[in-house]
């Protein structure tokens, strides 16, 4: 069986099915029977500097908001295809903190992202296997394409880092616990997404956790997505609700959504995200504004400003605040996005503890292959 190999340009933007980043380039093998094998991936590393007001921690990490990965699709002449995607197992930013520095490389089955069969039909798309739930990415729709450094899911960037109290001692409150965006994740599930109608589609999923031992909870969700272009303007959004039936106990509910608008003529974009934990408390609003232009011949330059305001995380009356600024430079021929990001965090609650503000710097790059 003969095969030819050719690089093909796919897209740079947002995957409307999963809400995740769309790949910019892939390699294809075309076979004589009409089937194709296409692969994709990237490497993404950054030096993170976290100053908790008393200590400074600097660590090289694989940034979990768009972690390093490799994947492929197998497609034939039938409407059935197969996708495999795995993280590469490098030190994840979401698990790194002042007290914990994971091994630089430690791949495990929990790094598996997508192992699924996909069936496309006239009535919609069906997916079975490990992969994104319907609400995964629902709070992260962003036409500015800044997830490598600016994203509503702050937990993926700095989630394990701890706040300090007024004496400089570490507390038990970490960033992830008080800056959760209530976005859903990936499970072994059956998922359905309807065809688009006037830009709208609806989907739902039902699944279980199979990559972490001892978890017997059941997960299900539903999401509504929208995407249209109106001349120079483009708009995308998603909203949904996710439920967790805790084994032998209660049902937890979280709701979240996001909407993003981009003006292709001026290069301006703005994104809103918000959500709440309907069971345990906590709600937030995240606003991100950006501009994309070309100062250098090597590729686009993006400027980003973001604000997060949350309340009632962990306890009623708490306040979680963040603001940040980022700069991203594309190098098109090298397929590299380099960036510098800054964030300022503050948290307070009704306890006697006075939490110090924390600031972070992140300098990194993603290479797409």
Protein backbone atom coordinates (compact mmCIF):
# COMPACT_ATOMS: atom_id res chain seq x y z
CA UNK A 1 0.00 0.00 0.00
CA UNK A 2 1.50 3.31 -1.10
CA UNK A 3 1.35 6.41 0.99
CA UNK A 4 2.43 10.00 0.43
CA UNK A 5 3.20 12.57 3.05
CA UNK A 6 2.36 16.24 2.77
CA UNK A 7 2.07 19.08 5.26
CA UNK A 8 -1.33 20.78 5.14
CA UNK A 9 -2.53 23.97 6.77
CA UNK A 10 -5.54 23.37 9.00
CA UNK A 11 -6.59 26.37 11.04
CA UNK A 12 -5.59 28.73 13.80
CA UNK A 13 -8.42 29.37 16.18
CA UNK A 14 -10.93 27.54 18.33
CA UNK A 15 -12.27 24.02 17.96
CA UNK A 16 -16.04 24.52 18.24
CA UNK A 17 -16.61 20.91 19.23
CA UNK A 18 -14.38 20.82 22.29
CA UNK A 19 -13.78 24.49 22.94
CA UNK A 20 -10.06 23.74 22.90
CA UNK A 21 -7.33 25.32 20.82
CA UNK A 22 -7.45 24.48 17.14
CA UNK A 23 -4.20 23.21 15.68
CA UNK A 24 -2.24 25.32 13.24
CA UNK A 25 -0.52 22.59 11.27
CA UNK A 26 -0.65 18.82 10.86
CA UNK A 27 1.03 16.14 8.80
CA UNK A 28 -0.97 13.70 6.68
CA UNK A 29 -0.39 10.26 5.27
CA UNK A 30 -2.76 9.51 2.39
CA UNK A 31 -3.36 5.82 1.61
CA UNK A 32 -4.53 4.24 -1.62
CA UNK A 33 -7.82 3.06 -0.11
CA UNK A 34 -8.89 6.63 0.65
CA UNK A 35 -8.00 6.54 4.35
CA UNK A 36 -5.77 9.10 6.06
CA UNK A 37 -3.53 9.22 9.10
CA UNK A 38 -2.92 12.75 10.41
CA UNK A 39 -0.89 13.76 13.42
CA UNK A 40 -0.43 16.96 15.36
CA UNK A 41 0.97 18.34 18.58
CA UNK A 42 3.09 20.93 20.34
CA UNK A 43 5.65 21.52 23.05
CA UNK A 44 4.88 24.28 25.55
CA UNK A 45 7.24 25.32 28.35
CA UNK A 46 7.50 28.39 30.54
CA UNK A 47 9.53 29.71 33.45
CA UNK A 48 7.04 30.65 36.17
CA UNK A 49 7.99 33.03 38.96
CA UNK A 50 5.53 33.16 41.88
CA UNK A 51 5.98 35.75 44.65
CA UNK A 52 3.59 35.06 47.55
CA UNK A 53 4.63 38.17 49.48
CA UNK A 54 7.19 36.33 51.57
CA UNK A 55 8.90 33.83 49.25
CA UNK A 56 9.74 33.71 45.54
CA UNK A 57 9.50 30.41 43.67
CA UNK A 58 10.82 29.98 40.12
CA UNK A 59 10.15 26.77 38.20
CA UNK A 60 10.30 25.51 34.61
CA UNK A 61 6.92 23.93 33.82
CA UNK A 62 4.78 22.49 31.06
CA UNK A 63 1.90 24.97 31.09
CA UNK A 64 -1.32 23.02 31.75
CA UNK A 65 -3.59 25.62 30.13
CA UNK A 66 -2.28 24.33 26.78
CA UNK A 67 -0.04 21.47 27.86
CA UNK A 68 2.44 19.72 25.56
CA UNK A 69 0.73 16.93 23.62
CA UNK A 70 0.73 14.57 20.67
CA UNK A 71 -2.29 13.21 18.84
CA UNK A 72 -3.51 11.66 15.64
CA UNK A 73 -6.67 10.90 13.66
CA UNK A 74 -7.43 7.82 11.59
CA UNK A 75 -10.08 8.53 8.96
CA UNK A 76 -11.45 6.38 6.15
CA UNK A 77 -14.21 6.58 3.58
CA UNK A 78 -16.85 5.71 6.22
CA UNK A 79 -18.29 8.27 8.68
CA UNK A 80 -16.37 6.60 11.51
CA UNK A 81 -12.98 7.95 12.63
CA UNK A 82 -10.65 7.43 15.56
CA UNK A 83 -8.74 10.00 17.62
CA UNK A 84 -5.87 9.49 20.04
CA UNK A 85 -4.31 12.32 22.04
CA UNK A 86 -2.03 12.30 25.05
CA UNK A 87 -0.20 14.82 27.15
CA UNK A 88 3.55 14.24 27.11
CA UNK A 89 3.99 13.91 30.87
CA UNK A 90 6.24 16.90 31.56
CA UNK A 91 6.04 18.81 34.86
CA UNK A 92 2.53 20.36 34.90
CA UNK A 93 2.06 23.95 36.06
CA UNK A 94 -1.21 23.03 37.77
CA UNK A 95 0.63 20.75 40.26
CA UNK A 96 3.66 22.97 40.94
CA UNK A 97 3.83 25.12 44.09
CA UNK A 98 6.13 26.54 46.78
CA UNK A 99 6.17 23.13 48.48
CA UNK A 100 5.90 20.76 45.51
CA UNK A 101 8.08 20.42 42.42
CA UNK A 102 6.99 17.34 40.43
CA UNK A 103 9.52 15.33 38.46
CA UNK A 104 10.32 16.98 35.14
CA UNK A 105 8.93 13.94 33.30
CA UNK A 106 6.48 11.44 34.75
CA UNK A 107 3.96 10.18 32.18
CA UNK A 108 0.98 8.21 33.50
CA UNK A 109 -2.38 7.10 32.13
CA UNK A 110 -3.91 10.29 33.57
CA UNK A 111 -2.13 12.13 30.74
CA UNK A 112 -4.39 10.45 28.17
CA UNK A 113 -6.68 13.14 26.79
CA UNK A 114 -8.63 11.69 23.86
CA UNK A 115 -9.01 7.99 23.02
CA UNK A 116 -12.30 7.89 21.17
CA UNK A 117 -14.35 6.67 18.23
CA UNK A 118 -16.21 9.41 16.37
CA UNK A 119 -19.30 8.83 14.24
CA UNK A 120 -20.62 11.65 12.03
CA UNK A 121 -24.19 11.33 10.81
CA UNK A 122 -26.97 13.46 9.39
CA UNK A 123 -28.43 13.88 12.88
CA UNK A 124 -25.18 14.90 14.56
CA UNK A 125 -21.84 13.71 15.89
CA UNK A 126 -21.47 10.85 18.37
CA UNK A 127 -18.27 10.25 20.35
CA UNK A 128 -17.48 7.27 22.55
CA UNK A 129 -14.40 6.85 24.72
CA UNK A 130 -12.09 9.04 26.76
CA UNK A 131 -12.47 12.68 25.84
CA UNK A 132 -14.04 16.05 26.50
CA UNK A 133 -17.43 16.22 28.16
CA UNK A 134 -19.94 18.46 26.44
CA UNK A 135 -19.20 21.40 28.76
CA UNK A 136 -15.42 21.05 28.55
CA UNK A 137 -14.18 24.42 27.30
CA UNK A 138 -17.61 26.03 27.73
CA UNK A 139 -16.14 28.69 30.03
CA UNK A 140 -13.05 29.11 27.82
CA UNK A 141 -14.32 30.20 24.39
CA UNK A 142 -11.89 32.93 23.31
CA UNK A 143 -11.47 34.31 19.79
CA UNK A 144 -8.32 36.09 20.94
CA UNK A 145 -6.50 32.72 21.12
CA UNK A 146 -4.58 33.58 24.29
CA UNK A 147 -5.03 30.38 26.34
CA UNK A 148 -1.27 29.76 26.52
CA UNK A 149 -0.94 32.67 28.99
CA UNK A 150 -4.40 34.20 29.66
CA UNK A 151 -7.39 31.97 30.33
CA UNK A 152 -10.43 31.89 32.64
CA UNK A 153 -9.21 28.57 34.07
CA UNK A 154 -6.51 30.06 36.29
CA UNK A 155 -6.23 26.74 38.13
CA UNK A 156 -4.39 25.29 35.11
CA UNK A 157 -1.76 28.01 35.37
CA UNK A 158 -1.09 28.39 39.11
CA UNK A 159 -3.65 26.20 40.88
CA UNK A 160 -1.42 24.62 43.56
CA UNK A 161 0.37 27.77 44.74
CA UNK A 162 -0.53 28.83 48.29
CA UNK A 163 -1.34 32.23 49.74
CA UNK A 164 0.63 33.40 52.78
CA UNK A 165 -0.73 35.10 55.89
CA UNK A 166 0.38 38.39 57.45
CA UNK A 167 3.37 36.73 59.12
CA UNK A 168 4.60 35.26 55.83
CA UNK A 169 3.61 31.69 56.73
CA UNK A 170 1.97 29.51 54.10
CA UNK A 171 -1.78 29.00 54.53
CA UNK A 172 -3.93 26.09 53.33
CA UNK A 173 -5.68 28.23 50.68
CA UNK A 174 -4.37 27.68 47.15
CA UNK A 175 -5.08 29.58 43.92
CA UNK A 176 -7.12 26.76 42.38
CA UNK A 177 -9.55 26.58 45.28
CA UNK A 178 -10.53 30.25 45.04
CA UNK A 179 -10.19 30.91 41.29
CA UNK A 180 -12.13 27.92 39.86
CA UNK A 181 -13.94 28.65 36.57
CA UNK A 182 -16.29 25.62 36.93
CA UNK A 183 -15.44 24.36 33.46
CA UNK A 184 -16.01 20.63 32.91
CA UNK A 185 -13.26 18.13 32.09
CA UNK A 186 -12.61 14.86 30.27
CA UNK A 187 -14.12 11.46 31.13
CA UNK A 188 -14.81 8.09 29.56
CA UNK A 189 -18.16 9.06 28.10
CA UNK A 190 -20.77 8.91 25.39
CA UNK A 191 -21.22 12.37 23.88
CA UNK A 192 -23.65 13.75 21.32
CA UNK A 193 -23.50 17.09 19.46
CA UNK A 194 -26.30 18.22 17.19
CA UNK A 195 -25.84 19.75 13.73
CA UNK A 196 -25.64 23.54 13.66
CA UNK A 197 -28.81 25.52 13.02
CA UNK A 198 -28.45 29.29 12.54
CA UNK A 199 -25.13 29.03 14.35
CA UNK A 200 -26.51 27.11 17.34
CA UNK A 201 -25.78 23.54 18.39
CA UNK A 202 -26.60 21.58 21.51
CA UNK A 203 -24.78 18.67 23.07
CA UNK A 204 -24.75 16.37 26.05
CA UNK A 205 -22.51 13.71 27.57
CA UNK A 206 -22.68 10.94 30.17
CA UNK A 207 -19.57 9.32 31.60
CA UNK A 208 -17.34 8.07 34.38
CA UNK A 209 -13.76 8.55 35.57
CA UNK A 210 -11.58 5.61 34.49
CA UNK A 211 -8.04 7.02 34.64
CA UNK A 212 -8.00 7.67 38.40
CA UNK A 213 -8.44 4.66 40.67
CA UNK A 214 -11.10 4.66 43.37
CA UNK A 215 -13.42 7.25 41.79
CA UNK A 216 -16.92 5.84 41.29
CA UNK A 217 -18.81 9.06 40.62
CA UNK A 218 -21.04 9.54 37.57
CA UNK A 219 -20.84 12.66 35.38
CA UNK A 220 -23.29 14.18 32.92
CA UNK A 221 -23.75 17.59 31.36
CA UNK A 222 -25.45 19.61 28.64
CA UNK A 223 -24.16 22.59 26.67
CA UNK A 224 -25.43 25.08 24.11
CA UNK A 225 -22.88 26.54 21.68
CA UNK A 226 -23.06 29.37 19.15
CA UNK A 227 -20.76 30.68 16.43
CA UNK A 228 -21.37 33.10 13.54
CA UNK A 229 -19.57 35.69 11.44
CA UNK A 230 -21.20 39.03 10.60
CA UNK A 231 -19.01 40.80 8.10
CA UNK A 232 -15.86 41.90 9.91
CA UNK A 233 -17.23 40.66 13.24
CA UNK A 234 -17.12 37.12 14.61
CA UNK A 235 -18.87 35.88 17.72
CA UNK A 236 -18.67 32.57 19.58
CA UNK A 237 -20.06 31.41 22.86
CA UNK A 238 -21.13 28.50 25.01
CA UNK A 239 -23.18 27.94 28.14
CA UNK A 240 -24.03 24.79 30.04
CA UNK A 241 -24.50 22.88 33.26
CA UNK A 242 -22.58 19.89 34.60
CA UNK A 243 -23.69 17.39 37.25
CA UNK A 244 -21.73 14.93 39.38
CA UNK A 245 -23.52 12.09 41.14
CA UNK A 246 -21.17 11.37 44.03
CA UNK A 247 -21.00 7.64 44.74
CA UNK A 248 -23.43 6.81 47.55
CA UNK A 249 -24.26 10.45 48.17
CA UNK A 250 -25.33 13.79 46.81
CA UNK A 251 -25.49 15.39 43.36
CA UNK A 252 -23.24 18.38 42.67
CA UNK A 253 -24.06 21.00 40.04
CA UNK A 254 -21.89 23.63 38.36
CA UNK A 255 -22.86 26.08 35.61
CA UNK A 256 -20.60 28.19 33.41
CA UNK A 257 -20.39 29.93 30.08
CA UNK A 258 -18.43 32.36 27.95
CA UNK A 259 -18.87 34.61 24.93
CA UNK A 260 -16.21 36.18 22.74
CA UNK A 261 -16.38 38.87 20.06
CA UNK A 262 -13.64 39.72 17.57
CA UNK A 263 -13.37 42.56 15.06
CA UNK A 264 -11.15 41.25 12.26
CA UNK A 265 -10.70 44.73 10.79
CA UNK A 266 -9.36 46.49 13.89
CA UNK A 267 -7.85 43.40 15.56
CA UNK A 268 -9.77 44.02 18.79
CA UNK A 269 -11.43 41.24 20.76
CA UNK A 270 -13.27 40.98 24.06
CA UNK A 271 -14.31 37.91 26.04
CA UNK A 272 -16.60 37.41 29.03
CA UNK A 273 -16.80 34.25 31.13
CA UNK A 274 -18.71 33.45 34.28
CA UNK A 275 -20.04 30.62 36.35
CA UNK A 276 -21.10 29.36 39.73
CA UNK A 277 -21.01 26.28 41.90
CA UNK A 278 -24.70 25.69 42.52
CA UNK A 279 -23.99 23.17 45.30
CA UNK A 280 -21.01 24.33 47.34
CA UNK A 281 -20.97 28.07 46.62
CA UNK A 282 -18.67 30.31 44.63
CA UNK A 283 -19.19 32.46 41.55
CA UNK A 284 -17.06 34.63 39.30
CA UNK A 285 -16.81 36.92 36.27
CA UNK A 286 -13.72 36.99 34.02
CA UNK A 287 -13.22 39.71 31.40
CA UNK A 288 -10.41 39.72 28.87
CA UNK A 289 -9.70 42.33 26.21
CA UNK A 290 -7.10 41.98 23.49
CA UNK A 291 -5.66 43.48 20.34
CA UNK A 292 -3.89 41.72 17.49
CA UNK A 293 -1.70 43.51 14.96
CA UNK A 294 1.56 43.13 13.07
CA UNK A 295 4.53 45.23 14.11
CA UNK A 296 7.08 42.65 12.96
CA UNK A 297 7.31 40.76 9.68
CA UNK A 298 7.75 37.47 11.55
CA UNK A 299 4.12 37.32 12.69
CA UNK A 300 1.25 38.82 14.65
CA UNK A 301 1.66 40.52 18.01
CA UNK A 302 -1.09 40.27 20.66
CA UNK A 303 -1.66 42.43 23.73
CA UNK A 304 -3.95 41.12 26.47
CA UNK A 305 -5.54 42.58 29.62
CA UNK A 306 -7.70 40.48 31.95
CA UNK A 307 -9.66 40.78 35.20
CA UNK A 308 -11.16 38.06 37.42
CA UNK A 309 -13.59 38.79 40.24
CA UNK A 310 -14.91 35.92 42.36
CA UNK A 311 -16.89 35.63 45.57
CA UNK A 312 -17.97 33.04 48.16
CA UNK A 313 -15.24 30.47 47.37
CA UNK A 314 -14.56 28.21 50.37
CA UNK A 315 -16.70 30.43 52.61
CA UNK A 316 -19.50 32.98 52.28
CA UNK A 317 -18.26 36.53 51.98
CA UNK A 318 -14.82 35.67 50.55
CA UNK A 319 -13.40 37.71 47.65
CA UNK A 320 -11.00 36.49 44.93
CA UNK A 321 -9.47 39.10 42.65
CA UNK A 322 -6.93 38.94 39.83
CA UNK A 323 -5.75 41.26 37.09
CA UNK A 324 -3.17 40.54 34.45
CA UNK A 325 -1.31 41.80 31.38
CA UNK A 326 0.30 39.68 28.66
CA UNK A 327 2.21 40.05 25.41
CA UNK A 328 2.32 37.29 22.76
CA UNK A 329 4.52 37.30 19.65
CA UNK A 330 3.99 34.83 16.80
CA UNK A 331 6.89 33.57 14.68
CA UNK A 332 4.96 32.09 11.78
CA UNK A 333 7.69 30.29 9.84
CA UNK A 334 9.08 28.66 12.98
CA UNK A 335 5.54 27.90 14.25
CA UNK A 336 6.40 29.43 17.63
CA UNK A 337 4.32 31.60 19.97
CA UNK A 338 6.50 33.38 22.55
CA UNK A 339 4.99 35.35 25.41
CA UNK A 340 5.38 37.23 28.66
CA UNK A 341 2.58 37.35 31.24
CA UNK A 342 2.01 39.08 34.58
CA UNK A 343 -0.78 38.45 37.13
CA UNK A 344 -1.66 39.96 40.51
CA UNK A 345 -3.77 37.88 42.95
CA UNK A 346 -5.58 38.83 46.14
CA UNK A 347 -7.90 36.88 48.43
CA UNK A 348 -9.81 37.69 51.61
CA UNK A 349 -12.44 36.00 53.76
CA UNK A 350 -14.24 36.50 57.07
CA UNK A 351 -11.63 34.62 59.10
CA UNK A 352 -8.99 36.29 61.25
CA UNK A 353 -6.32 35.51 58.64
CA UNK A 354 -4.98 38.39 56.57
CA UNK A 355 -3.81 36.99 53.23
CA UNK A 356 -0.93 38.65 51.42
CA UNK A 357 -1.26 39.52 47.74
CA UNK A 358 0.69 37.36 45.29
CA UNK A 359 2.21 38.27 41.93
CA UNK A 360 3.41 36.05 39.09
CA UNK A 361 5.57 36.35 36.01
CA UNK A 362 5.56 33.81 33.23
CA UNK A 363 7.83 33.76 30.19
CA UNK A 364 7.41 30.92 27.75
CA UNK A 365 6.87 29.61 24.26
CA UNK A 366 4.87 27.01 22.39
CA UNK A 367 6.22 25.24 19.31
CA UNK A 368 3.63 23.54 17.12
CA UNK A 369 4.70 20.55 15.02
